[in-house]
C-alpha atoms as a PDB file:
ATOM      1  CA  MET A   1     -15.618   8.502 -17.914  1.00  0.00           C
ATOM      2  CA  ASP A   2     -16.473   5.364 -15.981  1.00  0.00           C
ATOM      3  CA  PRO A   3     -16.613   6.037 -12.208  1.00  0.00           C
ATOM      4  CA  ASP A   4     -14.915   2.704 -11.467  1.00  0.00           C
ATOM      5  CA  LEU A   5     -11.963   3.578 -13.676  1.00  0.00           C
ATOM      6  CA  THR A   6     -11.833   7.089 -12.222  1.00  0.00           C
ATOM      7  CA  LEU A   7     -11.684   5.705  -8.686  1.00  0.00           C
ATOM      8  CA  VAL A   8      -8.867   3.309  -9.540  1.00  0.00           C
ATOM      9  CA  ILE A   9      -6.855   5.968 -11.388  1.00  0.00           C
ATOM     10  CA  GLY A  10      -7.341   8.420  -8.518  1.00  0.00           C
ATOM     11  CA  ALA A  11      -6.196   5.851  -5.984  1.00  0.00           C
ATOM     12  CA  LEU A  12      -3.123   4.973  -8.039  1.00  0.00           C
ATOM     13  CA  ILE A  13      -2.185   8.630  -8.496  1.00  0.00           C
ATOM     14  CA  GLY A  14      -2.582   9.160  -4.756  1.00  0.00           C
ATOM     15  CA  VAL A  15      -0.482   6.135  -3.844  1.00  0.00           C
ATOM     16  CA  PHE A  16       2.267   7.059  -6.286  1.00  0.00           C
ATOM     17  CA  SER A  17       2.444  10.619  -4.950  1.00  0.00           C
ATOM     18  CA  LEU A  18       3.199   9.498  -1.387  1.00  0.00           C
ATOM     19  CA  PRO A  19       6.860   8.513  -2.022  1.00  0.00           C
ATOM     20  CA  SER A  20       7.375  11.853  -3.733  1.00  0.00           C
ATOM     21  CA  ILE A  21       6.034  13.680  -0.677  1.00  0.00           C
ATOM     22  CA  VAL A  22       8.298  11.718   1.661  1.00  0.00           C
ATOM     23  CA  SER A  23      11.281  12.331  -0.607  1.00  0.00           C
ATOM     24  CA  ALA A  24      10.614  16.062  -0.712  1.00  0.00           C
ATOM     25  CA  PHE A  25      10.415  16.285   3.073  1.00  0.00           C
ATOM     26  CA  ALA A  26      13.588  14.222   3.435  1.00  0.00           C
ATOM     27  CA  GLU A  27      15.450  16.601   1.117  1.00  0.00           C
ATOM     28  CA  ARG A  28      13.961  19.653   2.936  1.00  0.00           C
ATOM     29  CA  ARG A  29      12.222  21.090  -0.080  1.00  0.00           C
ATOM     30  CA  ALA A  30       8.608  21.997  -0.691  1.00  0.00           C
ATOM     31  CA  PRO A  31       6.551  19.115  -2.114  1.00  0.00           C
ATOM     32  CA  LYS A  32       4.491  21.335  -4.421  1.00  0.00           C
ATOM     33  CA  ILE A  33       4.023  18.945  -7.341  1.00  0.00           C
ATOM     34  CA  ALA A  34       3.580  15.966  -5.022  1.00  0.00           C
ATOM     35  CA  PHE A  35       0.753  17.703  -3.173  1.00  0.00           C
ATOM     36  CA  LEU A  36      -0.777  18.730  -6.490  1.00  0.00           C
ATOM     37  CA  THR A  37      -0.847  15.118  -7.688  1.00  0.00           C
ATOM     38  CA  LEU A  38      -2.252  14.031  -4.326  1.00  0.00           C
ATOM     39  CA  MET A  39      -5.029  16.599  -4.680  1.00  0.00           C
ATOM     40  CA  ILE A  40      -5.761  15.439  -8.250  1.00  0.00           C
ATOM     41  CA  GLY A  41      -5.998  11.838  -7.061  1.00  0.00           C
ATOM     42  CA  GLY A  42      -8.270  12.862  -4.202  1.00  0.00           C
ATOM     43  CA  GLY A  43     -10.456  14.842  -6.579  1.00  0.00           C
ATOM     44  CA  LEU A  44     -10.840  11.854  -8.884  1.00  0.00           C
ATOM     45  CA  ILE A  45     -11.755   9.631  -5.933  1.00  0.00           C
ATOM     46  CA  TYR A  46     -14.245  12.211  -4.657  1.00  0.00           C
ATOM     47  CA  TRP A  47     -15.884  12.503  -8.084  1.00  0.00           C
ATOM     48  CA  ALA A  48     -16.206   8.723  -8.451  1.00  0.00           C
ATOM     49  CA  VAL A  49     -17.706   8.280  -4.997  1.00  0.00           C
ATOM     50  CA  SER A  50     -20.122  11.169  -5.559  1.00  0.00           C
ATOM     51  CA  GLN A  51     -21.405   9.452  -8.701  1.00  0.00           C
ATOM     52  CA  ASN A  52     -22.179   6.150  -6.905  1.00  0.00           C
ATOM     53  CA  PRO A  53     -22.123   6.730  -3.134  1.00  0.00           C
ATOM     54  CA  ASP A  54     -23.589   3.331  -2.192  1.00  0.00           C
ATOM     55  CA  LYS A  55     -21.383   1.244  -4.476  1.00  0.00           C
ATOM     56  CA  TYR A  56     -17.892   1.854  -3.072  1.00  0.00           C
ATOM     57  CA  SER A  57     -16.332   0.707   0.183  1.00  0.00           C
ATOM     58  CA  ILE A  58     -12.822   0.204   1.489  1.00  0.00           C
ATOM     59  CA  LEU A  59     -13.281  -3.558   1.738  1.00  0.00           C
ATOM     60  CA  GLY A  60     -14.558  -3.780  -1.838  1.00  0.00           C
ATOM     61  CA  PHE A  61     -11.668  -1.851  -3.373  1.00  0.00           C
ATOM     62  CA  PRO A  62      -9.434  -4.902  -4.148  1.00  0.00           C
ATOM     63  CA  ASP A  63     -12.281  -6.558  -6.042  1.00  0.00           C
ATOM     64  CA  LEU A  64     -12.995  -3.314  -7.895  1.00  0.00           C
ATOM     65  CA  LEU A  65      -9.323  -2.961  -8.812  1.00  0.00           C
ATOM     66  CA  ILE A  66      -9.178  -6.480 -10.268  1.00  0.00           C
ATOM     67  CA  GLU A  67     -12.484  -5.931 -12.090  1.00  0.00           C
ATOM     68  CA  VAL A  68     -11.287  -2.690 -13.705  1.00  0.00           C
ATOM     69  CA  ILE A  69      -7.936  -4.183 -14.713  1.00  0.00           C
ATOM     70  CA  ALA A  70      -9.662  -7.255 -16.181  1.00  0.00           C
ATOM     71  CA  ARG A  71     -12.158  -5.094 -18.052  1.00  0.00           C
ATOM     72  CA  PHE A  72      -9.496  -2.993 -19.749  1.00  0.00           C
ATOM     73  CA  ILE A  73      -6.951  -5.743 -20.417  1.00  0.00           C
ATOM     74  CA  GLY A  74      -9.238  -8.384 -21.781  1.00  0.00           C
END
């Protein structure tokens, strides 16, 4: 799998798990599945960065996101 795509998917999974974690804490229940999805997203990000450690940065993530979306849409 392409490391760029893996990084973007991992980041999206991580971002989408955050509302689930907050919701679980607000309802006073254990956020088991939410933490599992957060760990999966973190694992995907870790794998992508370990494949190309010099390529990725926080400031370059928006450009990478647009590049990956453009590559797979068009």
